[in-house]
N, C-alpha and C. Protein backbone atom coordinates (compact mmCIF):
# COMPACT_ATOMS: atom_id res chain seq x y z
N UNK A 1 27.52 0.55 4.99
CA UNK A 1 26.65 1.12 3.95
C UNK A 1 25.21 0.67 4.19
N UNK A 2 24.28 1.61 4.13
CA UNK A 2 22.88 1.29 4.39
C UNK A 2 22.26 0.60 3.18
N UNK A 3 21.26 -0.25 3.45
CA UNK A 3 20.47 -0.83 2.37
C UNK A 3 19.52 0.22 1.83
N UNK A 4 19.20 0.18 0.51
CA UNK A 4 18.19 1.08 -0.02
C UNK A 4 16.87 0.88 0.71
N UNK A 5 16.13 1.97 0.95
CA UNK A 5 14.84 1.86 1.62
C UNK A 5 13.78 1.26 0.71
N UNK A 6 13.92 1.46 -0.59
CA UNK A 6 12.93 0.96 -1.53
C UNK A 6 13.64 0.16 -2.61
N UNK A 7 13.28 -1.10 -2.75
CA UNK A 7 13.82 -1.92 -3.82
C UNK A 7 13.05 -1.63 -5.11
N UNK A 8 13.73 -1.68 -6.25
CA UNK A 8 13.08 -1.42 -7.53
C UNK A 8 13.13 -2.67 -8.40
N UNK A 9 12.10 -2.84 -9.23
CA UNK A 9 11.99 -3.99 -10.11
C UNK A 9 11.54 -3.52 -11.49
N UNK A 10 11.92 -4.23 -12.54
CA UNK A 10 11.40 -3.90 -13.87
C UNK A 10 9.88 -4.07 -13.89
N UNK A 11 9.17 -3.19 -14.57
CA UNK A 11 7.72 -3.28 -14.64
C UNK A 11 7.29 -4.39 -15.58
N UNK A 12 6.25 -5.11 -15.17
CA UNK A 12 5.64 -6.11 -16.04
C UNK A 12 4.65 -5.41 -16.97
N UNK A 13 4.15 -6.16 -17.93
CA UNK A 13 3.16 -5.62 -18.85
C UNK A 13 1.91 -5.18 -18.10
N UNK A 14 1.49 -5.97 -17.14
CA UNK A 14 0.30 -5.62 -16.35
C UNK A 14 0.53 -4.35 -15.55
N UNK A 15 1.71 -4.21 -14.95
CA UNK A 15 2.03 -3.02 -14.18
C UNK A 15 2.08 -1.78 -15.07
N UNK A 16 2.63 -1.93 -16.26
CA UNK A 16 2.66 -0.79 -17.19
C UNK A 16 1.25 -0.33 -17.54
N UNK A 17 0.36 -1.27 -17.77
CA UNK A 17 -1.02 -0.90 -18.09
C UNK A 17 -1.70 -0.26 -16.88
N UNK A 18 -1.44 -0.78 -15.68
CA UNK A 18 -2.02 -0.19 -14.47
C UNK A 18 -1.53 1.23 -14.28
N UNK A 19 -0.25 1.46 -14.49
CA UNK A 19 0.30 2.82 -14.38
C UNK A 19 -0.37 3.75 -15.36
N UNK A 20 -0.58 3.30 -16.59
CA UNK A 20 -1.26 4.11 -17.59
C UNK A 20 -2.67 4.47 -17.13
N UNK A 21 -3.37 3.51 -16.54
CA UNK A 21 -4.74 3.75 -16.08
C UNK A 21 -4.74 4.74 -14.92
N UNK A 22 -3.79 4.61 -14.01
CA UNK A 22 -3.68 5.56 -12.90
C UNK A 22 -3.44 6.97 -13.42
N UNK A 23 -2.57 7.09 -14.42
CA UNK A 23 -2.31 8.40 -15.03
C UNK A 23 -3.58 8.99 -15.65
N UNK A 24 -4.34 8.15 -16.31
CA UNK A 24 -5.54 8.60 -17.01
C UNK A 24 -6.69 8.94 -16.07
N UNK A 25 -6.88 8.14 -15.04
CA UNK A 25 -8.08 8.24 -14.21
C UNK A 25 -7.87 8.87 -12.84
N UNK A 26 -6.66 8.75 -12.29
CA UNK A 26 -6.46 9.11 -10.89
C UNK A 26 -5.53 10.30 -10.64
N UNK A 27 -4.68 10.61 -11.57
CA UNK A 27 -3.64 11.62 -11.34
C UNK A 27 -4.13 13.00 -11.78
N UNK A 28 -4.02 13.96 -10.86
CA UNK A 28 -4.45 15.34 -11.14
C UNK A 28 -3.41 16.32 -10.65
N UNK A 29 -3.29 17.44 -11.35
CA UNK A 29 -2.42 18.52 -10.90
C UNK A 29 -3.27 19.68 -10.40
N UNK A 30 -2.74 20.43 -9.43
CA UNK A 30 -3.46 21.53 -8.80
C UNK A 30 -2.84 21.78 -7.44
N UNK A 31 -3.62 22.34 -6.52
CA UNK A 31 -3.16 22.52 -5.14
C UNK A 31 -4.13 21.77 -4.25
N UNK A 32 -3.60 20.84 -3.46
CA UNK A 32 -4.45 19.96 -2.66
C UNK A 32 -3.87 19.83 -1.25
N UNK A 33 -4.77 19.67 -0.27
CA UNK A 33 -4.34 19.36 1.10
C UNK A 33 -4.53 17.87 1.31
N UNK A 34 -3.50 17.20 1.80
CA UNK A 34 -3.51 15.76 1.97
C UNK A 34 -3.94 15.37 3.38
N UNK A 35 -4.28 14.09 3.54
CA UNK A 35 -4.67 13.58 4.86
C UNK A 35 -3.54 13.73 5.86
N UNK A 36 -2.29 13.72 5.37
CA UNK A 36 -1.13 13.87 6.24
C UNK A 36 -0.98 15.28 6.79
N UNK A 37 -1.75 16.25 6.21
CA UNK A 37 -1.61 17.65 6.59
C UNK A 37 -0.75 18.44 5.63
N UNK A 38 -0.02 17.75 4.76
CA UNK A 38 0.81 18.42 3.76
C UNK A 38 -0.06 19.04 2.67
N UNK A 39 0.50 19.99 1.95
CA UNK A 39 -0.12 20.47 0.72
C UNK A 39 0.70 19.95 -0.45
N UNK A 40 0.05 19.78 -1.59
CA UNK A 40 0.72 19.19 -2.74
C UNK A 40 0.23 19.85 -4.02
N UNK A 41 1.08 19.85 -5.03
CA UNK A 41 0.71 20.38 -6.34
C UNK A 41 0.12 19.30 -7.24
N UNK A 42 -0.09 18.13 -6.70
CA UNK A 42 -0.74 17.06 -7.45
C UNK A 42 -1.52 16.19 -6.47
N UNK A 43 -2.41 15.40 -7.00
CA UNK A 43 -3.23 14.52 -6.16
C UNK A 43 -3.49 13.23 -6.90
N UNK A 44 -3.48 12.12 -6.18
CA UNK A 44 -3.79 10.82 -6.76
C UNK A 44 -5.08 10.32 -6.12
N UNK A 45 -6.15 10.34 -6.88
CA UNK A 45 -7.44 9.84 -6.41
C UNK A 45 -7.53 8.37 -6.80
N UNK A 46 -6.93 7.53 -5.97
CA UNK A 46 -6.81 6.12 -6.31
C UNK A 46 -8.13 5.42 -6.55
N UNK A 47 -9.19 5.87 -5.89
CA UNK A 47 -10.48 5.19 -6.02
C UNK A 47 -10.99 5.22 -7.46
N UNK A 48 -10.61 6.24 -8.22
CA UNK A 48 -11.06 6.34 -9.61
C UNK A 48 -10.54 5.19 -10.46
N UNK A 49 -9.44 4.62 -10.05
CA UNK A 49 -8.91 3.43 -10.74
C UNK A 49 -9.36 2.15 -10.05
N UNK A 50 -9.40 2.17 -8.73
CA UNK A 50 -9.66 0.96 -7.96
C UNK A 50 -11.08 0.41 -8.14
N UNK A 51 -12.06 1.28 -8.41
CA UNK A 51 -13.44 0.81 -8.57
C UNK A 51 -13.84 0.74 -10.04
N UNK A 52 -12.87 0.83 -10.93
CA UNK A 52 -13.09 0.65 -12.36
C UNK A 52 -12.86 -0.82 -12.71
N UNK A 53 -13.61 -1.35 -13.65
CA UNK A 53 -13.55 -2.79 -13.92
C UNK A 53 -12.15 -3.25 -14.31
N UNK A 54 -11.52 -2.57 -15.25
CA UNK A 54 -10.16 -2.97 -15.65
C UNK A 54 -9.16 -2.68 -14.54
N UNK A 55 -9.33 -1.53 -13.88
CA UNK A 55 -8.40 -1.17 -12.80
C UNK A 55 -8.41 -2.18 -11.68
N UNK A 56 -9.61 -2.61 -11.26
CA UNK A 56 -9.71 -3.58 -10.18
C UNK A 56 -9.04 -4.89 -10.57
N UNK A 57 -9.26 -5.31 -11.80
CA UNK A 57 -8.64 -6.55 -12.28
C UNK A 57 -7.12 -6.43 -12.28
N UNK A 58 -6.60 -5.34 -12.80
CA UNK A 58 -5.15 -5.16 -12.87
C UNK A 58 -4.53 -5.11 -11.48
N UNK A 59 -5.18 -4.40 -10.57
CA UNK A 59 -4.67 -4.30 -9.20
C UNK A 59 -4.61 -5.69 -8.56
N UNK A 60 -5.66 -6.47 -8.73
CA UNK A 60 -5.66 -7.82 -8.18
C UNK A 60 -4.53 -8.66 -8.73
N UNK A 61 -4.28 -8.54 -10.04
CA UNK A 61 -3.20 -9.30 -10.67
C UNK A 61 -1.84 -8.88 -10.14
N UNK A 62 -1.64 -7.57 -10.00
CA UNK A 62 -0.36 -7.07 -9.51
C UNK A 62 -0.12 -7.51 -8.07
N UNK A 63 -1.13 -7.37 -7.22
CA UNK A 63 -0.97 -7.77 -5.82
C UNK A 63 -0.74 -9.26 -5.69
N UNK A 64 -1.41 -10.03 -6.52
CA UNK A 64 -1.18 -11.48 -6.49
C UNK A 64 0.26 -11.80 -6.86
N UNK A 65 0.75 -11.23 -7.93
CA UNK A 65 2.11 -11.53 -8.39
C UNK A 65 3.15 -11.12 -7.35
N UNK A 66 2.89 -10.03 -6.64
CA UNK A 66 3.86 -9.55 -5.64
C UNK A 66 3.83 -10.37 -4.34
N UNK A 67 2.75 -11.12 -4.13
CA UNK A 67 2.61 -11.81 -2.83
C UNK A 67 2.51 -13.32 -2.93
N UNK A 68 2.42 -13.87 -4.12
CA UNK A 68 2.08 -15.29 -4.30
C UNK A 68 3.08 -16.26 -3.67
N UNK A 69 4.32 -15.82 -3.50
CA UNK A 69 5.35 -16.72 -2.97
C UNK A 69 5.72 -16.43 -1.52
N UNK A 70 4.90 -15.67 -0.81
CA UNK A 70 5.26 -15.23 0.54
C UNK A 70 4.76 -16.14 1.65
N UNK A 71 3.97 -17.14 1.33
CA UNK A 71 3.42 -18.04 2.36
C UNK A 71 2.67 -17.25 3.42
N UNK A 72 1.71 -16.44 2.97
CA UNK A 72 0.92 -15.60 3.87
C UNK A 72 -0.47 -16.20 4.08
N UNK A 73 -1.12 -15.71 5.14
CA UNK A 73 -2.47 -16.16 5.47
C UNK A 73 -3.55 -15.16 5.10
N UNK A 74 -3.18 -13.86 5.01
CA UNK A 74 -4.19 -12.83 4.80
C UNK A 74 -3.57 -11.58 4.20
N UNK A 75 -4.43 -10.79 3.55
CA UNK A 75 -4.05 -9.51 2.95
C UNK A 75 -5.07 -8.48 3.41
N UNK A 76 -4.59 -7.29 3.80
CA UNK A 76 -5.53 -6.24 4.19
C UNK A 76 -4.81 -4.99 4.62
N UNK A 77 -5.57 -4.03 5.15
CA UNK A 77 -4.99 -2.77 5.59
C UNK A 77 -6.05 -1.85 6.14
N UNK A 78 -5.70 -0.58 6.28
CA UNK A 78 -6.59 0.40 6.89
C UNK A 78 -7.69 0.82 5.92
N UNK A 79 -8.93 0.93 6.45
CA UNK A 79 -9.98 1.51 5.62
C UNK A 79 -9.63 2.98 5.34
N UNK A 80 -10.02 3.57 4.24
CA UNK A 80 -10.82 3.00 3.18
C UNK A 80 -9.92 2.51 2.04
N UNK A 81 -8.71 3.02 1.99
CA UNK A 81 -7.84 2.74 0.86
C UNK A 81 -7.57 1.27 0.61
N UNK A 82 -7.49 0.48 1.68
CA UNK A 82 -7.14 -0.93 1.52
C UNK A 82 -8.32 -1.80 1.11
N UNK A 83 -9.54 -1.31 1.26
CA UNK A 83 -10.71 -2.17 1.03
C UNK A 83 -10.80 -2.65 -0.42
N UNK A 84 -10.78 -1.77 -1.43
CA UNK A 84 -10.85 -2.28 -2.80
C UNK A 84 -9.62 -3.08 -3.20
N UNK A 85 -8.46 -2.74 -2.65
CA UNK A 85 -7.25 -3.50 -2.97
C UNK A 85 -7.34 -4.91 -2.42
N UNK A 86 -7.82 -5.03 -1.19
CA UNK A 86 -7.97 -6.34 -0.56
C UNK A 86 -8.93 -7.21 -1.35
N UNK A 87 -10.06 -6.64 -1.74
CA UNK A 87 -11.06 -7.39 -2.50
C UNK A 87 -10.48 -7.87 -3.83
N UNK A 88 -9.78 -6.98 -4.53
CA UNK A 88 -9.19 -7.35 -5.81
C UNK A 88 -8.17 -8.47 -5.64
N UNK A 89 -7.37 -8.39 -4.58
CA UNK A 89 -6.32 -9.39 -4.36
C UNK A 89 -6.90 -10.76 -4.07
N UNK A 90 -7.88 -10.83 -3.18
CA UNK A 90 -8.40 -12.16 -2.82
C UNK A 90 -9.16 -12.79 -3.98
N UNK A 91 -9.77 -11.98 -4.83
CA UNK A 91 -10.42 -12.53 -6.03
C UNK A 91 -9.37 -13.14 -6.96
N UNK A 92 -8.24 -12.47 -7.11
CA UNK A 92 -7.17 -13.01 -7.96
C UNK A 92 -6.64 -14.33 -7.41
N UNK A 93 -6.53 -14.44 -6.10
CA UNK A 93 -6.14 -15.71 -5.50
C UNK A 93 -7.17 -16.80 -5.80
N UNK A 94 -8.44 -16.46 -5.66
CA UNK A 94 -9.50 -17.44 -5.91
C UNK A 94 -9.49 -17.91 -7.36
N UNK A 95 -9.26 -16.99 -8.29
CA UNK A 95 -9.25 -17.36 -9.71
C UNK A 95 -8.13 -18.34 -10.03
N UNK A 96 -7.15 -18.46 -9.16
CA UNK A 96 -6.07 -19.41 -9.36
C UNK A 96 -6.20 -20.62 -8.45
N UNK A 97 -7.37 -20.77 -7.84
CA UNK A 97 -7.62 -21.94 -7.01
C UNK A 97 -6.96 -21.89 -5.65
N UNK A 98 -6.60 -20.68 -5.22
CA UNK A 98 -5.93 -20.54 -3.92
C UNK A 98 -6.83 -19.76 -2.97
N UNK A 99 -6.82 -20.16 -1.71
CA UNK A 99 -7.62 -19.49 -0.69
C UNK A 99 -6.79 -18.38 -0.04
N UNK A 100 -7.41 -17.22 0.14
CA UNK A 100 -6.74 -16.11 0.82
C UNK A 100 -7.77 -15.32 1.62
N UNK A 101 -7.47 -15.09 2.87
CA UNK A 101 -8.34 -14.26 3.70
C UNK A 101 -8.03 -12.78 3.44
N UNK A 102 -9.08 -11.98 3.48
CA UNK A 102 -8.93 -10.53 3.42
C UNK A 102 -9.42 -9.90 4.71
N UNK A 103 -8.91 -8.73 5.02
CA UNK A 103 -9.36 -8.02 6.22
C UNK A 103 -9.12 -6.54 6.02
N UNK A 104 -9.79 -5.73 6.81
CA UNK A 104 -9.41 -4.33 6.88
C UNK A 104 -9.54 -3.83 8.30
N UNK A 105 -8.77 -2.82 8.60
CA UNK A 105 -8.69 -2.25 9.94
C UNK A 105 -9.50 -0.96 9.96
N UNK A 106 -10.42 -0.86 10.91
CA UNK A 106 -11.18 0.37 11.07
C UNK A 106 -10.31 1.45 11.70
N UNK A 107 -10.51 2.69 11.26
CA UNK A 107 -9.78 3.79 11.87
C UNK A 107 -10.18 3.94 13.33
N UNK A 108 -11.45 3.63 13.61
CA UNK A 108 -11.95 3.59 14.99
C UNK A 108 -12.84 2.36 15.14
N UNK A 109 -12.80 1.74 16.29
CA UNK A 109 -13.62 0.56 16.53
C UNK A 109 -15.10 0.91 16.44
N UNK A 110 -15.91 -0.04 15.95
CA UNK A 110 -17.36 0.17 15.88
C UNK A 110 -17.92 0.41 17.27
N UNK A 111 -18.93 1.26 17.36
CA UNK A 111 -19.58 1.53 18.64
C UNK A 111 -20.79 0.65 18.86
N UNK A 112 -20.98 -0.35 18.00
CA UNK A 112 -22.14 -1.24 18.14
C UNK A 112 -21.73 -2.64 17.69
N UNK A 113 -22.65 -3.58 17.83
CA UNK A 113 -22.41 -4.95 17.38
C UNK A 113 -21.19 -5.56 18.06
N UNK A 114 -20.27 -6.10 17.25
CA UNK A 114 -19.09 -6.77 17.80
C UNK A 114 -18.04 -5.77 18.28
N UNK A 115 -18.16 -4.50 17.90
CA UNK A 115 -17.21 -3.45 18.30
C UNK A 115 -15.77 -3.81 17.90
N UNK A 116 -15.65 -4.44 16.75
CA UNK A 116 -14.33 -4.86 16.29
C UNK A 116 -13.56 -3.71 15.65
N UNK A 117 -12.26 -3.80 15.75
CA UNK A 117 -11.38 -2.90 15.02
C UNK A 117 -10.96 -3.53 13.70
N UNK A 118 -10.74 -4.84 13.69
CA UNK A 118 -10.32 -5.56 12.49
C UNK A 118 -11.51 -6.34 11.94
N UNK A 119 -11.89 -6.04 10.70
CA UNK A 119 -12.99 -6.74 10.04
C UNK A 119 -12.44 -7.83 9.14
N UNK A 120 -13.10 -8.98 9.16
CA UNK A 120 -12.64 -10.11 8.38
C UNK A 120 -12.20 -11.23 9.30
N UNK A 121 -11.97 -12.40 8.73
CA UNK A 121 -11.63 -13.58 9.53
C UNK A 121 -10.11 -13.69 9.69
N UNK A 122 -9.53 -12.68 10.31
CA UNK A 122 -8.09 -12.68 10.56
C UNK A 122 -7.83 -13.38 11.88
N UNK A 123 -7.08 -14.45 11.83
CA UNK A 123 -6.82 -15.20 13.05
C UNK A 123 -5.55 -14.69 13.72
N UNK A 124 -5.48 -14.79 15.04
CA UNK A 124 -4.26 -14.39 15.75
C UNK A 124 -3.04 -15.14 15.24
N UNK A 125 -1.91 -14.47 15.24
CA UNK A 125 -0.62 -15.02 14.84
C UNK A 125 -0.54 -15.36 13.35
N UNK A 126 -1.45 -14.81 12.57
CA UNK A 126 -1.38 -15.02 11.12
C UNK A 126 -0.21 -14.24 10.53
N UNK A 127 0.21 -14.66 9.36
CA UNK A 127 1.25 -13.96 8.60
C UNK A 127 0.55 -13.16 7.51
N UNK A 128 0.74 -11.84 7.49
CA UNK A 128 -0.10 -10.98 6.66
C UNK A 128 0.73 -10.02 5.81
N UNK A 129 0.10 -9.54 4.75
CA UNK A 129 0.61 -8.42 3.97
C UNK A 129 -0.32 -7.23 4.17
N UNK A 130 0.24 -6.07 4.48
CA UNK A 130 -0.54 -4.84 4.62
C UNK A 130 -0.49 -4.09 3.30
N UNK A 131 -1.66 -3.70 2.80
CA UNK A 131 -1.74 -2.99 1.53
C UNK A 131 -2.38 -1.61 1.71
N UNK A 132 -2.04 -0.71 0.80
CA UNK A 132 -2.68 0.60 0.74
C UNK A 132 -2.51 1.14 -0.67
N UNK A 133 -3.31 2.16 -1.00
CA UNK A 133 -3.23 2.66 -2.37
C UNK A 133 -2.13 3.70 -2.53
N UNK A 134 -2.18 4.79 -1.78
CA UNK A 134 -1.19 5.86 -1.90
C UNK A 134 -0.66 6.19 -0.51
N UNK A 135 0.67 6.27 -0.36
CA UNK A 135 1.24 6.63 0.93
C UNK A 135 2.07 7.90 0.79
N UNK A 136 1.99 8.72 1.85
CA UNK A 136 2.80 9.94 1.92
C UNK A 136 3.86 9.74 2.99
N UNK A 137 3.50 9.91 4.24
CA UNK A 137 4.45 9.68 5.33
C UNK A 137 4.30 8.29 5.96
N UNK A 138 3.20 7.62 5.65
CA UNK A 138 3.06 6.23 6.08
C UNK A 138 2.32 6.02 7.39
N UNK A 139 1.82 7.09 8.01
CA UNK A 139 1.19 6.94 9.33
C UNK A 139 -0.08 6.09 9.28
N UNK A 140 -0.85 6.20 8.20
CA UNK A 140 -2.08 5.40 8.11
C UNK A 140 -1.76 3.92 8.03
N UNK A 141 -0.71 3.59 7.30
CA UNK A 141 -0.32 2.18 7.19
C UNK A 141 0.13 1.65 8.55
N UNK A 142 0.83 2.46 9.30
CA UNK A 142 1.30 2.03 10.61
C UNK A 142 0.13 1.73 11.55
N UNK A 143 -0.98 2.44 11.41
CA UNK A 143 -2.17 2.12 12.20
C UNK A 143 -2.60 0.68 11.95
N UNK A 144 -2.58 0.27 10.71
CA UNK A 144 -2.95 -1.11 10.38
C UNK A 144 -1.92 -2.10 10.92
N UNK A 145 -0.66 -1.75 10.81
CA UNK A 145 0.41 -2.61 11.33
C UNK A 145 0.22 -2.82 12.83
N UNK A 146 -0.02 -1.75 13.56
CA UNK A 146 -0.17 -1.85 15.01
C UNK A 146 -1.40 -2.67 15.38
N UNK A 147 -2.49 -2.53 14.60
CA UNK A 147 -3.71 -3.28 14.91
C UNK A 147 -3.49 -4.78 14.75
N UNK A 148 -2.81 -5.20 13.69
CA UNK A 148 -2.61 -6.65 13.52
C UNK A 148 -1.54 -7.18 14.47
N UNK A 149 -0.60 -6.34 14.82
CA UNK A 149 0.40 -6.78 15.80
C UNK A 149 -0.23 -6.98 17.17
N UNK A 150 -1.30 -6.26 17.47
CA UNK A 150 -2.02 -6.49 18.71
C UNK A 150 -2.64 -7.89 18.74
N UNK A 151 -2.85 -8.45 17.55
CA UNK A 151 -3.36 -9.82 17.44
C UNK A 151 -2.22 -10.82 17.29
N UNK A 152 -0.99 -10.35 17.52
CA UNK A 152 0.22 -11.17 17.42
C UNK A 152 0.47 -11.67 16.00
N UNK A 153 -0.03 -10.92 15.02
CA UNK A 153 0.22 -11.28 13.63
C UNK A 153 1.61 -10.80 13.20
N UNK A 154 2.17 -11.50 12.23
CA UNK A 154 3.45 -11.12 11.65
C UNK A 154 3.21 -10.38 10.34
N UNK A 155 3.79 -9.19 10.20
CA UNK A 155 3.68 -8.44 8.96
C UNK A 155 4.82 -8.86 8.04
N UNK A 156 4.48 -9.61 7.00
CA UNK A 156 5.49 -10.12 6.08
C UNK A 156 5.95 -9.06 5.09
N UNK A 157 5.06 -8.14 4.73
CA UNK A 157 5.38 -7.11 3.74
C UNK A 157 4.37 -5.98 3.83
N UNK A 158 4.80 -4.78 3.49
CA UNK A 158 3.90 -3.67 3.19
C UNK A 158 3.96 -3.45 1.70
N UNK A 159 2.80 -3.43 1.05
CA UNK A 159 2.70 -3.34 -0.40
C UNK A 159 1.72 -2.22 -0.75
N UNK A 160 2.19 -1.19 -1.44
CA UNK A 160 1.33 -0.07 -1.80
C UNK A 160 1.38 0.16 -3.30
N UNK A 161 0.35 0.81 -3.81
CA UNK A 161 0.34 1.11 -5.25
C UNK A 161 1.30 2.24 -5.59
N UNK A 162 1.21 3.38 -4.87
CA UNK A 162 2.05 4.54 -5.19
C UNK A 162 2.65 5.13 -3.92
N UNK A 163 3.95 5.29 -3.91
CA UNK A 163 4.66 5.97 -2.83
C UNK A 163 5.01 7.38 -3.29
N UNK A 164 4.60 8.39 -2.50
CA UNK A 164 4.87 9.78 -2.85
C UNK A 164 6.27 10.23 -2.43
N UNK A 165 7.05 9.30 -1.89
CA UNK A 165 8.45 9.56 -1.51
C UNK A 165 8.57 10.70 -0.51
N UNK A 166 7.76 10.63 0.53
CA UNK A 166 7.81 11.64 1.58
C UNK A 166 8.14 11.03 2.94
N UNK A 167 8.82 9.90 2.95
CA UNK A 167 9.32 9.36 4.20
C UNK A 167 8.69 8.08 4.69
N UNK A 168 7.73 7.51 3.95
CA UNK A 168 7.05 6.30 4.41
C UNK A 168 8.02 5.14 4.60
N UNK A 169 8.92 4.95 3.66
CA UNK A 169 9.85 3.81 3.75
C UNK A 169 10.69 3.88 5.02
N UNK A 170 11.13 5.08 5.35
CA UNK A 170 11.93 5.25 6.57
C UNK A 170 11.10 4.95 7.81
N UNK A 171 9.84 5.42 7.82
CA UNK A 171 8.97 5.17 8.97
C UNK A 171 8.73 3.67 9.15
N UNK A 172 8.51 2.97 8.04
CA UNK A 172 8.26 1.53 8.14
C UNK A 172 9.47 0.82 8.71
N UNK A 173 10.64 1.21 8.27
CA UNK A 173 11.85 0.58 8.80
C UNK A 173 12.00 0.86 10.30
N UNK A 174 11.63 2.08 10.71
CA UNK A 174 11.69 2.42 12.13
C UNK A 174 10.76 1.55 12.95
N UNK A 175 9.71 1.03 12.31
CA UNK A 175 8.77 0.13 12.99
C UNK A 175 9.10 -1.34 12.74
N UNK A 176 10.31 -1.60 12.29
CA UNK A 176 10.78 -2.98 12.18
C UNK A 176 10.36 -3.71 10.93
N UNK A 177 9.90 -3.00 9.91
CA UNK A 177 9.47 -3.64 8.66
C UNK A 177 10.47 -3.30 7.56
N UNK A 178 11.18 -4.29 7.11
CA UNK A 178 12.20 -4.06 6.09
C UNK A 178 11.73 -4.48 4.70
N UNK A 179 10.67 -5.27 4.62
CA UNK A 179 10.15 -5.70 3.31
C UNK A 179 9.02 -4.76 2.91
N UNK A 180 9.40 -3.71 2.22
CA UNK A 180 8.44 -2.70 1.76
C UNK A 180 8.50 -2.64 0.25
N UNK A 181 7.33 -2.72 -0.40
CA UNK A 181 7.31 -2.89 -1.85
C UNK A 181 6.25 -1.99 -2.50
N UNK A 182 6.60 -0.75 -2.84
CA UNK A 182 5.66 0.05 -3.63
C UNK A 182 5.69 -0.42 -5.09
N UNK A 183 4.52 -0.56 -5.69
CA UNK A 183 4.48 -0.94 -7.10
C UNK A 183 5.03 0.20 -7.96
N UNK A 184 4.62 1.44 -7.62
CA UNK A 184 5.09 2.63 -8.33
C UNK A 184 5.52 3.67 -7.31
N UNK A 185 6.32 4.63 -7.75
CA UNK A 185 6.55 5.84 -6.97
C UNK A 185 6.06 7.02 -7.78
N UNK A 186 6.00 8.17 -7.13
CA UNK A 186 5.49 9.36 -7.81
C UNK A 186 6.37 9.74 -9.00
N UNK A 187 7.61 9.31 -9.00
CA UNK A 187 8.48 9.56 -10.15
C UNK A 187 7.96 8.87 -11.41
N UNK A 188 7.31 7.73 -11.23
CA UNK A 188 6.75 7.03 -12.39
C UNK A 188 5.62 7.82 -13.04
N UNK A 189 5.05 8.77 -12.29
CA UNK A 189 3.99 9.63 -12.81
C UNK A 189 4.54 11.00 -13.25
N UNK A 190 5.85 11.10 -13.31
CA UNK A 190 6.47 12.31 -13.85
C UNK A 190 6.68 13.43 -12.87
N UNK A 191 6.53 13.16 -11.56
CA UNK A 191 6.74 14.19 -10.55
C UNK A 191 8.16 14.08 -10.03
N UNK A 192 8.89 15.17 -10.09
CA UNK A 192 10.27 15.18 -9.60
C UNK A 192 10.29 15.59 -8.13
N UNK A 193 10.86 14.74 -7.30
CA UNK A 193 10.93 14.99 -5.87
C UNK A 193 12.25 15.66 -5.54
N UNK A 194 12.21 16.72 -4.74
CA UNK A 194 13.42 17.39 -4.29
C UNK A 194 14.00 16.60 -3.13
N UNK A 195 15.01 15.80 -3.42
CA UNK A 195 15.55 14.91 -2.39
C UNK A 195 16.35 15.66 -1.35
N UNK A 196 16.56 16.96 -1.53
CA UNK A 196 17.30 17.73 -0.53
C UNK A 196 16.44 18.03 0.68
N UNK A 197 15.11 17.96 0.52
CA UNK A 197 14.23 18.24 1.64
C UNK A 197 14.19 17.02 2.56
N UNK A 198 14.05 17.24 3.88
CA UNK A 198 13.99 16.12 4.82
C UNK A 198 12.86 15.15 4.48
N UNK A 199 13.15 13.87 4.62
CA UNK A 199 12.19 12.78 4.46
C UNK A 199 11.70 12.63 3.04
N UNK A 200 12.35 13.26 2.05
CA UNK A 200 12.04 12.99 0.65
C UNK A 200 13.26 12.31 0.04
N UNK A 201 13.10 11.12 -0.48
CA UNK A 201 14.22 10.33 -0.95
C UNK A 201 13.96 9.78 -2.34
N UNK A 202 14.99 9.68 -3.11
CA UNK A 202 14.91 9.02 -4.40
C UNK A 202 14.85 7.51 -4.18
N UNK A 203 14.38 6.79 -5.20
CA UNK A 203 14.37 5.33 -5.14
C UNK A 203 15.80 4.83 -4.99
N UNK A 204 16.03 4.02 -3.97
CA UNK A 204 17.32 3.43 -3.79
C UNK A 204 18.33 4.33 -3.10
N UNK A 205 17.96 5.58 -2.80
CA UNK A 205 18.92 6.47 -2.16
C UNK A 205 19.09 6.07 -0.69
N UNK A 206 20.29 6.14 -0.20
CA UNK A 206 20.54 5.81 1.20
C UNK A 206 20.12 6.97 2.09
N UNK A 207 19.66 6.64 3.29
CA UNK A 207 19.27 7.65 4.24
C UNK A 207 20.50 8.13 4.99
N UNK A 208 20.69 9.43 5.02
CA UNK A 208 21.83 9.99 5.72
C UNK A 208 21.53 10.09 7.22
N UNK A 209 22.52 9.81 8.02
CA UNK A 209 22.34 9.90 9.47
C UNK A 209 22.34 11.36 9.91
């Protein structure tokens, strides 16, 4: 019997408030084309919550609570989605007297200066958590995973705010990452996913061979 691709947890008070804020500020219905190339009848503009004063605070608190016991060295992910999440997380660590490095991975290396792909003081062989705001198929997150693995870093967890349940969990497992933790899925925002379609899975549903 296969393990569920996505583990579920009861929501905390902070997570419930963050979900409410995402619904109010970031969730829209309509017809949209996504970065993955898919079209969708809804869109989550995560930045509308992430750069809001309460939203940034709540995100930092949630990311801290999900990662505080992992014995990690750094938190980060692919620009642009991971940048506000990383900032919020490291501030929450600082407010508790704990040091945490943040970093983000450029989609393309800079053509000037240091020409770095990874920004921030990420040391080789560090133990890291990769974060992102909204995932569809997960390809953007894998870019960040591959970049830190080139530095011989260990990916302890992938942590995202919202999973659209379009195959990201399966892709992460295919890349050797079994600790995947979305704070919310699109079902929490009232969107019903047709699990009969390929690569769309319910929370906890096993993947059929």
